[in-house]
Protein backbone atom coordinates (compact mmCIF):
# COMPACT_ATOMS: atom_id res chain seq x y z
CA UNK A 1 0.00 0.00 0.00
CA UNK A 2 1.38 3.36 -1.02
CA UNK A 3 0.95 5.83 1.84
CA UNK A 4 2.38 8.87 0.11
CA UNK A 5 1.46 12.30 1.33
CA UNK A 6 -0.77 14.37 -0.91
CA UNK A 7 1.26 16.98 -2.78
CA UNK A 8 0.33 20.60 -2.56
CA UNK A 9 -0.15 21.80 -6.12
CA UNK A 10 -0.32 25.35 -7.32
CA UNK A 11 -3.08 25.20 -9.86
CA UNK A 12 -3.59 28.07 -12.31
CA UNK A 13 -6.54 29.21 -10.18
CA UNK A 14 -4.33 29.46 -7.07
CA UNK A 15 -1.65 31.35 -8.99
CA UNK A 16 -4.22 33.72 -10.49
CA UNK A 17 -5.72 34.28 -7.04
CA UNK A 18 -2.31 35.10 -5.56
CA UNK A 19 -1.58 37.45 -8.45
CA UNK A 20 -4.97 39.16 -7.99
CA UNK A 21 -4.29 39.43 -4.26
CA UNK A 22 -0.99 41.14 -5.05
CA UNK A 23 -2.74 43.59 -7.37
CA UNK A 24 -5.13 44.44 -4.54
CA UNK A 25 -2.11 44.74 -2.22
CA UNK A 26 -0.37 47.14 -4.62
CA UNK A 27 -3.51 49.29 -4.77
CA UNK A 28 -3.75 49.17 -0.98
CA UNK A 29 -0.08 50.17 -0.77
CA UNK A 30 -0.66 53.25 -2.93
CA UNK A 31 -3.81 54.15 -1.02
CA UNK A 32 -2.07 53.92 2.36
CA UNK A 33 1.09 55.70 1.28
CA UNK A 34 -0.96 58.48 -0.29
CA UNK A 35 -1.33 59.80 3.25
CA UNK A 36 2.27 61.05 3.00
CA UNK A 37 2.13 62.39 -0.54
CA UNK A 38 3.05 66.03 -0.96
CA UNK A 39 0.22 68.27 -2.09
CA UNK A 40 0.94 70.81 -4.86
CA UNK A 41 0.67 73.66 -2.33
CA UNK A 42 3.25 71.99 -0.07
CA UNK A 43 5.75 71.49 -2.91
CA UNK A 44 6.55 75.19 -2.85
CA UNK A 45 7.36 75.11 0.87
CA UNK A 46 9.94 72.30 0.58
CA UNK A 47 8.69 70.98 3.88
CA UNK A 48 8.89 67.30 4.82
CA UNK A 49 7.52 67.44 8.35
CA UNK A 50 6.49 64.00 9.50
CA UNK A 51 5.84 62.65 5.99
CA UNK A 52 8.61 60.01 6.11
CA UNK A 53 7.26 58.65 9.39
CA UNK A 54 3.70 58.60 8.10
CA UNK A 55 4.85 56.84 4.93
CA UNK A 56 6.83 54.24 6.91
CA UNK A 57 3.94 53.53 9.29
CA UNK A 58 1.52 53.18 6.38
CA UNK A 59 3.75 51.11 4.11
CA UNK A 60 5.48 48.76 6.55
CA UNK A 61 2.59 46.37 7.34
CA UNK A 62 1.64 45.99 3.69
CA UNK A 63 5.23 45.50 2.52
CA UNK A 64 5.95 42.91 5.22
CA UNK A 65 2.77 40.88 4.59
CA UNK A 66 3.21 40.76 0.82
CA UNK A 67 6.95 40.16 1.04
CA UNK A 68 6.36 37.10 3.21
CA UNK A 69 3.51 35.90 0.98
CA UNK A 70 5.54 36.28 -2.21
CA UNK A 71 8.72 34.75 -0.80
CA UNK A 72 6.66 31.77 0.42
CA UNK A 73 4.98 31.46 -2.97
CA UNK A 74 8.32 31.68 -4.81
CA UNK A 75 9.94 29.18 -2.46
CA UNK A 76 7.07 26.75 -3.02
CA UNK A 77 7.39 27.17 -6.79
CA UNK A 78 11.10 26.41 -6.67
CA UNK A 79 10.66 23.51 -4.25
CA UNK A 80 7.91 21.96 -6.41
CA UNK A 81 9.67 22.93 -9.66
CA UNK A 82 6.40 24.35 -10.93
CA UNK A 83 7.82 26.55 -13.66
CA UNK A 84 4.48 27.16 -15.38
CA UNK A 85 3.07 28.81 -12.26
CA UNK A 86 6.33 30.71 -11.99
CA UNK A 87 5.17 32.93 -14.84
CA UNK A 88 2.40 34.27 -12.63
CA UNK A 89 4.94 34.87 -9.88
CA UNK A 90 7.13 36.83 -12.29
CA UNK A 91 4.14 39.08 -13.08
CA UNK A 92 4.51 40.42 -9.54
CA UNK A 93 7.51 42.47 -10.60
CA UNK A 94 5.66 44.88 -12.91
CA UNK A 95 2.69 45.07 -10.51
CA UNK A 96 4.83 46.22 -7.59
CA UNK A 97 7.13 48.36 -9.76
CA UNK A 98 4.14 50.33 -11.04
CA UNK A 99 2.81 50.77 -7.49
CA UNK A 100 6.20 51.98 -6.25
CA UNK A 101 6.62 54.28 -9.28
CA UNK A 102 3.23 55.86 -8.57
CA UNK A 103 4.23 56.38 -4.95
CA UNK A 104 7.64 57.86 -5.79
CA UNK A 105 6.12 60.16 -8.39
CA UNK A 106 4.08 61.86 -5.64
CA UNK A 107 7.01 62.49 -3.30
């Protein structure tokens, strides 16, 4: 009798769900970090005030959660050698780069 453990598979639905969750996370990141964005009126003053602290407090929880999620997902892909699902994981790069570019544009 073969008593092998069931293998955890990353189906295309799971990969698409994780990618969609990351898109929501990137939108959430921009929404939360928008609290520290400089308004056009404040640009003339060259004042930072507490903006870096507000940005850090807003961004840190989101960055930590999605970093851990994505590292776990990538590790599982490598461990299972699931290269087809790896394409979805690679789509995370443009998603987060666009979110970060939007955030940096407003600083």
